[in-house]
Amino acid sequence: MVCAAIFVNASCDKTITPQEDPAPLTPAAADANAGNWQMIVMSGPTEFPVAAPAATTDPAYLAELSSIQSSQSAITSTQSTSIQYWSSGAVVRWNEILRELVARADLPPAPLPNGTYPAPDPANPFADPNYPFSNPPYAARAYSYISVAEYDALKAAWYYKYQYNRPSPAKVDSSIQALMPITDLPSYPSEDGVLSGVNTVLMELLFPTSVQEITEKAAEERQAAMLSGKASASDIAAGLALGQAVATLFVARAATDGMKNATGTTAQWQAIATAVAASGQIPWHTLEIPPRPPMLPFFSQVKAWMLTPTDIIQERPGPPPSTSSDQMKEELAEVKSAVDNVTREQAATVYKWNDGANSVTPPGHWNAIAAPYINAAQFSEVRTARAFALLNMAMLDAAVACWDAKYTYYNPRPSQLDPSIKTIIALPNFPSYTSGHSTFSAAASEVLSYLFPADESYFEAQRDEAAMSRLYGGIHYPSDIQVGKDHGKRIGDYTVRFAQQDGAD
């Protein structure tokens, strides 16, 4: 099974390009009842009303059909390639684009000559360093906002599609060629219009230095939908307006979800270290030179999707082994032995799951794992959006919960306690307990096993491999890994329980 060979080193090439070649989407089911599936942020499918379309005999609509006919007679090779690209499913394509944006922005700021580190500034995104630094928690948040917004918006679109039941242009007029798979799915409002509207607003918010490319991709999607005979201009306009309206709800949520305060201050970081030292433990500190500020110490206060703040605390794992305990000495020796005796196969596992700078990050890695399963299932666009939304909600919640544990216990990395441990990969700049890879991967595995139960053993194997890669790499203790997996499984189960009663099964 194709999984994760989709990572981008975008330090040179700054264009958004396809990284996958899935087959054209012919949905196995229309999911006509999707307008009644449970919303996540929207209050209901009619929160943003969509006016009824003109009749298919209306002169204005007939003029739209005539325009499609004329345009199809002069399609360029570039437009033909675009139609083929978007015919694979727009939700999958936008997920692919998002992974590339994350990878491009996953570059920690370099130090200044005075030994300090500049922070990316959302108010001045083109300054050095560019905004954002798309580290794993930021990336988890971005993946989740995009996928959940797409999902809510498409449920609303499905509601109106089946209320108005306007056929696609290729179904209305036989002289219009169907250049994409055209089903009986009503075309008004257009799902491509919805997705281009949602993603333009939210991706430009999250990745402001890529505005031009995002805008061009959205316009390309809308043009492909029309040129292919899938949607008319009014179908697309209605979808675009709906998508943009839904996006405003998510912009408002993002403005108050706690991300702005996730970094904290030097005094707050020192207070955590002082409290840990006062409890008799050795506190974590950065091993970078010059010392780098810790990564998002207060990300635990970012609003989760399925867990309340009380749930986060209740699900918090117990403390790690004391830094002066025999168990810690044994685990430290196990890490050193793993690194000193790493096999070729284990080293390959470490690099496969590195997910370091300039990568799609661990959450993106799991999106890449999910994509071929979603493609093979031939889900409708709304069901595809559901799959990515469930996956990414679970991983955002895993990030919040994992960062809560990391900065509650402030546990040192193995190489801090034993400098003779030479890590195989770069050392993450945040505390050790629990393992982020283990927590992300266990949450993702739970959701994907729910969606694709026949492949549960594969997802669990990938989870375990991702977790163990951190021991082989010398950056995590065994307890970080096992407790992280247990924690991530519990976190993922919150999303699975939501999915089991959301009306989509």
Protein backbone atom coordinates (compact mmCIF):
# COMPACT_ATOMS: atom_id res chain seq x y z
CA MET A 1 0.00 0.00 0.00
CA VAL A 2 1.25 3.43 -0.92
CA CYS A 3 1.64 5.45 2.23
CA ALA A 4 4.02 8.26 2.92
CA ALA A 5 6.37 8.83 0.01
CA ILE A 6 4.80 12.20 -0.61
CA PHE A 7 6.99 14.55 1.30
CA VAL A 8 8.24 17.75 -0.19
CA ASN A 9 11.49 19.61 0.16
CA ALA A 10 10.18 22.95 -0.94
CA SER A 11 13.18 25.09 -0.13
CA CYS A 12 13.84 25.69 -3.82
CA ASP A 13 10.60 25.09 -5.72
CA LYS A 14 7.89 27.37 -4.33
CA THR A 15 5.02 26.25 -6.56
CA ILE A 16 2.15 24.06 -5.46
CA THR A 17 2.32 20.91 -7.55
CA PRO A 18 0.46 17.59 -7.40
CA GLN A 19 2.18 14.86 -5.41
CA GLU A 20 -0.29 12.04 -6.08
CA ASP A 21 -2.12 10.64 -9.08
CA PRO A 22 -5.37 9.11 -7.80
CA ALA A 23 -7.98 7.78 -10.21
CA PRO A 24 -10.94 9.93 -11.30
CA LEU A 25 -13.58 10.02 -8.61
CA THR A 26 -16.73 8.02 -9.31
CA PRO A 27 -18.38 7.90 -5.89
CA ALA A 28 -19.59 4.54 -4.66
CA ALA A 29 -22.58 6.33 -3.08
CA ALA A 30 -24.11 9.79 -3.43
CA ASP A 31 -24.71 10.24 0.32
CA ALA A 32 -27.94 12.06 -0.40
CA ASN A 33 -28.70 12.35 3.33
CA ALA A 34 -25.41 14.10 4.17
CA GLY A 35 -27.23 17.37 4.78
CA ASN A 36 -28.62 15.74 7.91
CA TRP A 37 -25.29 14.53 9.30
CA GLN A 38 -24.22 16.16 12.53
CA MET A 39 -22.47 19.49 12.19
CA ILE A 40 -19.29 20.31 14.12
CA VAL A 41 -19.12 24.12 14.14
CA MET A 42 -22.17 25.15 12.11
CA SER A 43 -25.52 25.21 13.93
CA GLY A 44 -27.21 23.44 11.03
CA PRO A 45 -27.28 23.19 7.24
CA THR A 46 -29.49 26.26 6.83
CA GLU A 47 -27.34 28.62 8.91
CA PHE A 48 -26.33 30.29 5.64
CA PRO A 49 -29.35 30.17 3.33
CA VAL A 50 -28.83 29.43 -0.36
CA ALA A 51 -31.48 30.92 -2.64
CA ALA A 52 -33.23 28.71 -5.13
CA PRO A 53 -31.61 28.54 -8.58
CA ALA A 54 -33.21 29.63 -11.81
CA ALA A 55 -35.02 26.93 -13.74
CA THR A 56 -33.02 25.00 -16.31
CA THR A 57 -35.26 26.58 -18.98
CA ASP A 58 -34.51 30.12 -17.82
CA PRO A 59 -32.78 32.23 -20.51
CA ALA A 60 -29.99 33.22 -18.14
CA TYR A 61 -29.24 29.57 -17.35
CA LEU A 62 -29.40 28.62 -21.03
CA ALA A 63 -26.83 31.35 -21.68
CA GLU A 64 -24.59 29.69 -19.09
CA LEU A 65 -24.89 26.39 -20.94
CA SER A 66 -24.06 28.12 -24.23
CA SER A 67 -20.94 29.57 -22.63
CA ILE A 68 -19.82 26.10 -21.51
CA GLN A 69 -20.35 24.73 -25.03
CA SER A 70 -18.28 27.54 -26.49
CA SER A 71 -15.51 27.11 -23.94
CA GLN A 72 -15.34 23.35 -24.48
CA SER A 73 -14.71 23.88 -28.16
CA ALA A 74 -11.47 25.72 -27.36
CA ILE A 75 -10.05 23.84 -24.37
CA THR A 76 -6.27 24.15 -24.11
CA SER A 77 -3.89 21.39 -23.06
CA THR A 78 -3.33 23.21 -19.78
CA GLN A 79 -7.05 23.27 -19.09
CA SER A 80 -7.35 19.60 -20.01
CA THR A 81 -4.60 18.75 -17.52
CA SER A 82 -6.39 20.81 -14.89
CA ILE A 83 -9.66 18.96 -15.47
CA GLN A 84 -7.88 15.64 -15.09
CA TYR A 85 -6.21 16.85 -11.89
CA TRP A 86 -9.42 17.99 -10.20
CA SER A 87 -11.43 15.00 -11.43
CA SER A 88 -9.64 12.90 -8.81
CA GLY A 89 -11.64 14.61 -6.09
CA ALA A 90 -11.24 18.14 -4.85
CA VAL A 91 -11.10 17.30 -1.14
CA VAL A 92 -8.17 14.95 -1.74
CA ARG A 93 -6.44 17.57 -3.89
CA TRP A 94 -6.85 20.31 -1.28
CA ASN A 95 -5.44 18.00 1.36
CA GLU A 96 -2.44 17.41 -0.88
CA ILE A 97 -1.99 21.16 -1.39
CA LEU A 98 -2.24 21.77 2.35
CA ARG A 99 0.46 19.20 3.08
CA GLU A 100 2.78 21.01 0.73
CA LEU A 101 2.07 24.35 2.35
CA VAL A 102 2.80 22.85 5.76
CA ALA A 103 6.07 21.33 4.58
CA ARG A 104 7.19 24.58 3.05
CA ALA A 105 6.50 26.50 6.26
CA ASP A 106 7.98 23.90 8.64
CA LEU A 107 11.24 25.76 9.11
CA PRO A 108 12.27 26.95 12.59
CA PRO A 109 13.71 30.46 12.71
CA ALA A 110 17.50 30.77 12.66
CA PRO A 111 19.22 32.65 15.48
CA LEU A 112 20.15 36.29 15.20
CA PRO A 113 23.78 37.44 15.73
CA ASN A 114 22.94 38.36 19.34
CA GLY A 115 21.91 34.78 20.15
CA THR A 116 18.16 35.37 20.22
CA TYR A 117 15.54 33.93 17.90
CA PRO A 118 13.06 36.05 15.96
CA ALA A 119 9.44 34.97 16.04
CA PRO A 120 7.26 34.76 12.92
CA ASP A 121 4.83 37.67 12.96
CA PRO A 122 1.30 37.14 11.57
CA ALA A 123 0.97 40.89 11.17
CA ASN A 124 4.07 40.93 8.93
CA PRO A 125 4.15 37.46 7.37
CA PHE A 126 6.80 38.22 4.73
CA ALA A 127 9.37 39.37 7.29
CA ASP A 128 12.27 37.08 8.19
CA PRO A 129 11.31 34.53 9.39
CA ASN A 130 8.17 34.11 7.32
CA TYR A 131 4.92 33.42 9.14
CA PRO A 132 4.03 30.75 10.07
CA PHE A 133 6.57 28.32 11.48
CA SER A 134 4.39 25.30 10.80
CA ASN A 135 5.64 23.08 13.62
CA PRO A 136 3.66 19.90 14.49
CA PRO A 137 1.08 21.53 16.81
CA TYR A 138 0.50 24.43 14.39
CA ALA A 139 0.23 21.95 11.52
CA ALA A 140 -2.25 19.76 13.43
CA ARG A 141 -4.38 22.84 13.99
CA ALA A 142 -4.17 23.85 10.31
CA TYR A 143 -5.06 20.37 9.02
CA SER A 144 -8.03 20.25 11.37
CA TYR A 145 -9.41 23.70 10.58
CA ILE A 146 -9.31 23.09 6.85
CA SER A 147 -10.80 19.60 6.96
CA VAL A 148 -13.56 20.42 9.45
CA ALA A 149 -14.56 23.57 7.56
CA GLU A 150 -14.70 21.63 4.29
CA TYR A 151 -16.83 19.00 5.96
CA ASP A 152 -19.38 21.34 7.52
CA ALA A 153 -19.63 23.39 4.32
CA LEU A 154 -20.17 20.32 2.15
CA LYS A 155 -22.91 19.01 4.44
CA ALA A 156 -24.69 22.33 3.98
CA ALA A 157 -24.15 22.11 0.23
CA TRP A 158 -25.59 18.58 0.14
CA TYR A 159 -28.67 19.80 1.99
CA TYR A 160 -29.38 22.40 -0.68
CA LYS A 161 -28.38 20.16 -3.57
CA TYR A 162 -31.16 17.74 -2.72
CA GLN A 163 -33.61 20.51 -1.90
CA TYR A 164 -33.27 22.06 -5.36
CA ASN A 165 -32.18 19.04 -7.45
CA ARG A 166 -30.71 20.94 -10.36
CA PRO A 167 -28.85 18.51 -12.68
CA SER A 168 -25.35 19.18 -13.91
CA PRO A 169 -24.99 20.95 -17.26
CA ALA A 170 -23.90 17.74 -19.00
CA LYS A 171 -27.12 16.11 -17.79
CA VAL A 172 -29.29 19.04 -18.90
CA ASP A 173 -27.76 19.49 -22.36
CA SER A 174 -26.42 16.48 -24.24
CA SER A 175 -24.29 18.71 -26.45
CA ILE A 176 -22.11 19.52 -23.43
CA GLN A 177 -19.36 16.93 -22.98
CA ALA A 178 -18.86 15.29 -19.59
CA LEU A 179 -15.10 15.67 -19.19
CA MET A 180 -15.18 14.47 -15.59
CA PRO A 181 -17.21 11.57 -14.22
CA ILE A 182 -20.69 13.10 -13.99
CA THR A 183 -23.12 11.41 -11.62
CA ASP A 184 -26.71 12.14 -10.65
CA LEU A 185 -25.49 14.40 -7.84
CA PRO A 186 -27.33 17.75 -8.15
CA SER A 187 -24.98 20.52 -9.20
CA TYR A 188 -26.41 23.49 -7.25
CA PRO A 189 -24.65 24.70 -5.19
CA SER A 190 -21.39 23.41 -6.67
CA GLU A 191 -19.15 21.47 -4.30
CA ASP A 192 -16.16 22.86 -6.19
CA GLY A 193 -17.40 26.37 -5.53
CA VAL A 194 -17.85 25.51 -1.86
CA LEU A 195 -14.38 24.03 -1.49
CA SER A 196 -12.65 26.84 -3.35
CA GLY A 197 -14.43 29.36 -1.12
CA VAL A 198 -13.65 27.64 2.16
CA ASN A 199 -10.04 26.93 1.30
CA THR A 200 -9.23 30.34 -0.12
CA VAL A 201 -10.35 32.05 3.07
CA LEU A 202 -8.81 29.64 5.57
CA MET A 203 -5.58 28.71 3.80
CA GLU A 204 -4.82 32.37 3.19
CA LEU A 205 -5.38 32.99 6.91
CA LEU A 206 -3.10 30.13 7.92
CA PHE A 207 -0.46 30.56 5.19
CA PRO A 208 -0.57 34.22 4.16
CA THR A 209 2.67 34.15 2.17
CA SER A 210 1.06 31.72 -0.30
CA VAL A 211 -2.03 33.80 -1.07
CA GLN A 212 -1.39 34.04 -4.81
CA GLU A 213 -0.93 30.32 -5.30
CA ILE A 214 -3.95 29.45 -3.18
CA THR A 215 -6.11 31.92 -5.08
CA GLU A 216 -4.92 30.53 -8.40
CA LYS A 217 -5.62 26.95 -7.35
CA ALA A 218 -9.12 27.87 -6.24
CA ALA A 219 -9.83 29.63 -9.53
CA GLU A 220 -8.42 26.65 -11.42
CA GLU A 221 -10.77 24.31 -9.55
CA ARG A 222 -13.82 26.41 -10.39
CA GLN A 223 -12.82 26.67 -14.05
CA ALA A 224 -12.26 22.91 -14.28
CA ALA A 225 -15.71 22.23 -12.82
CA MET A 226 -17.34 24.45 -15.43
CA LEU A 227 -15.27 23.37 -18.44
CA SER A 228 -15.90 19.71 -17.62
CA GLY A 229 -19.67 20.10 -17.81
CA LYS A 230 -20.01 19.41 -14.10
CA ALA A 231 -21.27 22.84 -12.98
CA SER A 232 -22.58 26.06 -14.44
CA ALA A 233 -21.53 29.57 -13.52
CA SER A 234 -24.51 30.01 -11.17
CA ASP A 235 -23.87 26.62 -9.55
CA ILE A 236 -20.31 27.70 -8.83
CA ALA A 237 -21.25 31.20 -7.65
CA ALA A 238 -23.73 29.79 -5.14
CA GLY A 239 -21.18 27.30 -3.87
CA LEU A 240 -18.45 29.92 -3.62
CA ALA A 241 -20.68 32.22 -1.56
CA LEU A 242 -21.68 29.37 0.75
CA GLY A 243 -18.07 28.25 1.24
CA GLN A 244 -16.89 31.76 2.03
CA ALA A 245 -19.73 32.26 4.51
CA VAL A 246 -18.98 29.01 6.33
CA ALA A 247 -15.30 29.94 6.47
CA THR A 248 -16.14 33.05 8.51
CA LEU A 249 -17.27 30.82 11.38
CA PHE A 250 -13.91 29.11 11.43
CA VAL A 251 -12.00 32.37 11.16
CA ALA A 252 -13.88 33.57 14.24
CA ARG A 253 -13.16 30.34 16.10
CA ALA A 254 -9.46 30.51 15.22
CA ALA A 255 -9.21 34.06 16.51
CA THR A 256 -10.23 32.99 20.01
CA ASP A 257 -9.05 29.36 20.26
CA GLY A 258 -5.97 30.11 22.38
CA MET A 259 -3.31 29.83 19.69
CA LYS A 260 -2.25 33.46 20.12
CA ASN A 261 -1.16 32.73 23.69
CA ALA A 262 0.46 29.35 23.06
CA THR A 263 4.05 30.63 23.17
CA GLY A 264 4.01 32.34 26.55
CA THR A 265 6.85 34.37 28.04
CA THR A 266 10.32 33.76 29.38
CA ALA A 267 9.02 34.23 32.92
CA GLN A 268 6.34 31.61 32.37
CA TRP A 269 8.82 29.08 30.95
CA GLN A 270 11.14 29.64 33.88
CA ALA A 271 8.27 29.19 36.33
CA ILE A 272 7.57 25.73 34.90
CA ALA A 273 11.23 24.71 35.23
CA THR A 274 11.45 26.11 38.76
CA ALA A 275 8.36 24.19 39.87
CA VAL A 276 9.70 20.93 38.43
CA ALA A 277 13.08 21.44 40.10
CA ALA A 278 11.35 22.21 43.41
CA SER A 279 9.58 18.85 43.18
CA GLY A 280 12.96 17.10 43.11
CA GLN A 281 13.08 16.37 39.38
CA ILE A 282 15.56 17.49 36.74
CA PRO A 283 13.67 19.87 34.44
CA TRP A 284 14.00 19.80 30.67
CA HIS A 285 16.04 22.48 28.97
CA THR A 286 16.86 23.11 25.35
CA LEU A 287 20.10 21.62 24.08
CA GLU A 288 20.30 23.97 21.11
CA ILE A 289 23.09 26.54 20.93
CA PRO A 290 22.21 29.34 21.29
CA PRO A 291 19.33 28.28 23.56
CA ARG A 292 16.06 28.22 21.65
CA PRO A 293 12.74 29.06 23.34
CA PRO A 294 10.57 25.98 23.99
CA MET A 295 8.01 25.12 21.33
CA LEU A 296 4.53 26.32 22.25
CA PRO A 297 4.48 25.59 26.01
CA PHE A 298 0.85 26.66 26.29
CA PHE A 299 -0.55 24.83 23.28
CA SER A 300 -2.40 22.73 25.86
CA GLN A 301 -4.78 25.67 26.20
CA VAL A 302 -5.76 25.66 22.52
CA LYS A 303 -9.38 24.68 22.03
CA ALA A 304 -9.76 21.02 21.13
CA TRP A 305 -12.52 19.59 18.94
CA MET A 306 -13.90 16.65 20.90
CA LEU A 307 -12.35 17.15 24.35
CA THR A 308 -13.20 19.81 26.89
CA PRO A 309 -10.47 21.36 29.07
CA THR A 310 -11.69 19.09 31.87
CA ASP A 311 -11.33 16.06 29.59
CA ILE A 312 -7.76 17.07 28.77
CA ILE A 313 -6.85 17.11 32.46
CA GLN A 314 -8.73 13.90 33.23
CA GLU A 315 -7.00 12.09 30.37
CA ARG A 316 -3.57 13.41 31.34
CA PRO A 317 -1.24 10.44 31.96
CA GLY A 318 0.46 10.00 35.30
CA PRO A 319 4.00 11.27 35.80
CA PRO A 320 7.07 9.81 34.10
CA PRO A 321 9.67 7.86 36.06
CA SER A 322 11.53 10.09 38.50
CA THR A 323 14.74 11.40 37.01
CA SER A 324 16.60 9.89 39.99
CA SER A 325 14.85 6.50 39.91
CA ASP A 326 16.23 3.10 38.97
CA GLN A 327 13.55 2.88 36.26
CA MET A 328 14.87 6.05 34.66
CA LYS A 329 18.41 4.65 34.75
CA GLU A 330 17.19 1.45 33.09
CA GLU A 331 15.27 3.33 30.42
CA LEU A 332 18.21 5.63 29.77
CA ALA A 333 20.44 2.58 29.29
CA GLU A 334 17.87 1.12 26.90
CA VAL A 335 17.91 4.29 24.80
CA LYS A 336 21.71 4.29 24.67
CA SER A 337 21.80 0.62 23.70
CA ALA A 338 19.20 1.18 20.97
CA VAL A 339 21.21 4.03 19.44
CA ASP A 340 24.59 2.33 19.77
CA ASN A 341 23.28 -0.89 18.19
CA VAL A 342 20.79 0.45 15.68
CA THR A 343 20.34 -1.82 12.67
CA ARG A 344 20.09 -0.71 9.08
CA GLU A 345 16.38 -1.50 9.11
CA GLN A 346 15.82 0.44 12.31
CA ALA A 347 17.71 3.43 10.95
CA ALA A 348 15.49 3.36 7.87
CA THR A 349 12.47 3.44 10.18
CA VAL A 350 13.92 6.44 12.02
CA TYR A 351 14.35 8.40 8.79
CA LYS A 352 10.95 7.34 7.43
CA TRP A 353 9.25 8.76 10.51
CA ASN A 354 11.60 11.67 11.14
CA ASP A 355 9.00 14.26 10.09
CA GLY A 356 11.41 17.03 11.03
CA ALA A 357 12.00 20.45 9.49
CA ASN A 358 10.61 21.06 6.00
CA SER A 359 8.25 18.08 6.29
CA VAL A 360 4.50 17.62 6.38
CA THR A 361 4.96 16.91 10.14
CA PRO A 362 3.56 13.81 11.91
CA PRO A 363 -0.09 14.83 11.36
CA GLY A 364 0.62 15.32 7.65
CA HIS A 365 2.34 11.94 7.52
CA TRP A 366 -0.91 10.34 8.70
CA ASN A 367 -2.91 12.34 6.16
CA ALA A 368 -0.62 10.89 3.50
CA ILE A 369 -1.23 7.40 4.88
CA ALA A 370 -5.00 7.97 4.80
CA ALA A 371 -5.21 9.41 1.27
CA PRO A 372 -4.79 6.19 -0.77
CA TYR A 373 -7.37 4.39 1.38
CA ILE A 374 -9.83 7.20 0.82
CA ASN A 375 -9.07 7.17 -2.91
CA ALA A 376 -9.60 3.43 -3.14
CA ALA A 377 -12.92 3.65 -1.28
CA GLN A 378 -14.26 6.12 -3.88
CA PHE A 379 -16.02 8.14 -1.21
CA SER A 380 -18.22 11.03 -2.25
CA GLU A 381 -16.68 14.44 -1.67
CA VAL A 382 -18.68 14.94 1.52
CA ARG A 383 -17.69 11.52 2.88
CA THR A 384 -14.06 12.15 1.93
CA ALA A 385 -14.25 15.41 3.87
CA ARG A 386 -15.68 13.49 6.82
CA ALA A 387 -12.74 11.06 6.79
CA PHE A 388 -10.14 13.83 6.80
CA ALA A 389 -12.10 15.81 9.39
CA LEU A 390 -12.32 12.88 11.81
CA LEU A 391 -8.63 12.09 11.35
CA ASN A 392 -7.48 15.66 11.86
CA MET A 393 -9.80 16.46 14.75
CA ALA A 394 -8.32 13.47 16.58
CA MET A 395 -4.77 14.60 15.86
CA LEU A 396 -5.39 18.20 16.95
CA ASP A 397 -6.86 16.86 20.17
CA ALA A 398 -3.83 14.57 20.49
CA ALA A 399 -1.53 17.58 20.07
CA VAL A 400 -3.33 19.56 22.76
CA ALA A 401 -3.35 16.61 25.17
CA CYS A 402 0.26 15.62 24.48
CA TRP A 403 1.50 19.20 24.95
CA ASP A 404 -0.43 19.30 28.21
CA ALA A 405 1.58 16.31 29.45
CA LYS A 406 4.88 17.59 28.07
CA TYR A 407 4.70 20.93 29.83
CA THR A 408 3.11 19.59 33.00
CA TYR A 409 6.05 17.25 33.66
CA TYR A 410 8.82 19.08 31.74
CA ASN A 411 10.77 15.85 31.49
CA PRO A 412 14.35 15.96 30.08
CA ARG A 413 15.31 14.21 26.87
CA PRO A 414 17.63 11.17 27.12
CA SER A 415 20.64 13.04 25.74
CA GLN A 416 20.21 15.74 28.38
CA LEU A 417 20.66 13.16 31.15
CA ASP A 418 23.36 11.25 29.26
CA PRO A 419 25.32 13.41 26.79
CA SER A 420 27.02 10.30 25.42
CA ILE A 421 23.76 9.47 23.60
CA LYS A 422 24.19 10.71 20.04
CA THR A 423 20.79 11.05 18.44
CA ILE A 424 20.32 9.87 14.86
CA ILE A 425 17.99 12.75 14.01
CA ALA A 426 17.58 16.33 15.21
CA LEU A 427 16.40 16.67 18.79
CA PRO A 428 12.93 18.25 19.08
CA ASN A 429 12.92 21.44 21.11
CA PHE A 430 10.37 20.49 23.74
CA PRO A 431 10.15 18.08 26.70
CA SER A 432 10.26 14.33 26.31
CA TYR A 433 7.22 12.89 28.08
CA THR A 434 5.10 11.84 26.29
CA SER A 435 6.12 11.07 22.72
CA GLY A 436 4.29 13.24 20.22
CA HIS A 437 4.72 10.71 17.42
CA SER A 438 3.27 7.99 19.62
CA THR A 439 0.31 10.11 20.66
CA PHE A 440 -0.46 11.42 17.16
CA SER A 441 -0.08 7.97 15.65
CA ALA A 442 -2.26 6.16 18.16
CA ALA A 443 -5.06 8.72 17.75
CA ALA A 444 -4.79 8.51 13.95
CA SER A 445 -4.71 4.72 13.99
CA GLU A 446 -7.92 4.60 16.05
CA VAL A 447 -9.79 6.80 13.57
CA LEU A 448 -8.49 5.08 10.45
CA SER A 449 -9.23 1.66 11.94
CA TYR A 450 -12.81 2.83 12.50
CA LEU A 451 -13.08 4.09 8.92
CA PHE A 452 -11.32 1.12 7.31
CA PRO A 453 -11.68 -1.79 9.77
CA ALA A 454 -10.34 -4.37 7.33
CA ASP A 455 -6.97 -2.61 7.47
CA GLU A 456 -6.76 -2.13 11.23
CA SER A 457 -3.66 -4.31 11.52
CA TYR A 458 -1.82 -2.13 9.00
CA PHE A 459 -2.66 1.10 10.82
CA GLU A 460 -1.62 -0.41 14.13
CA ALA A 461 1.65 -1.58 12.61
CA GLN A 462 2.32 1.92 11.32
CA ARG A 463 1.46 3.34 14.74
CA ASP A 464 3.92 1.01 16.45
CA GLU A 465 6.62 1.67 13.87
CA ALA A 466 6.25 5.44 14.24
CA ALA A 467 6.45 5.13 18.01
CA MET A 468 9.50 2.86 18.06
CA SER A 469 11.32 5.07 15.58
CA ARG A 470 11.74 7.59 18.38
CA LEU A 471 13.54 5.06 20.58
CA TYR A 472 15.82 3.98 17.72
CA GLY A 473 16.54 7.65 17.04
CA GLY A 474 17.58 8.23 20.65
CA ILE A 475 15.08 10.97 21.40
CA HIS A 476 12.51 9.17 23.59
CA TYR A 477 12.42 6.74 26.52
CA PRO A 478 10.33 3.53 26.34
CA SER A 479 7.82 4.99 28.84
CA ASP A 480 7.36 8.08 26.62
CA ILE A 481 6.39 5.75 23.81
CA GLN A 482 4.08 3.33 25.59
CA VAL A 483 2.27 5.95 27.63
CA GLY A 484 1.97 8.15 24.54
CA LYS A 485 0.35 5.33 22.59
CA ASP A 486 -2.11 4.62 25.40
CA HIS A 487 -2.89 8.32 25.73
CA GLY A 488 -3.36 8.78 21.98
CA LYS A 489 -5.71 5.80 21.77
CA ARG A 490 -7.93 7.28 24.47
CA ILE A 491 -7.90 10.65 22.73
CA GLY A 492 -8.75 9.11 19.35
CA ASP A 493 -11.66 7.23 20.88
CA TYR A 494 -13.42 10.53 21.61
CA THR A 495 -13.58 11.22 17.88
CA VAL A 496 -14.60 7.65 17.07
CA ARG A 497 -17.49 7.87 19.52
CA PHE A 498 -18.62 11.10 17.83
CA ALA A 499 -18.41 9.44 14.41
CA GLN A 500 -20.47 6.46 15.53
CA GLN A 501 -23.47 8.69 16.17
CA ASP A 502 -23.05 11.49 13.59
CA GLY A 503 -25.60 10.04 11.16
CA ALA A 504 -23.13 9.07 8.43
CA ASP A 505 -22.95 5.31 9.11
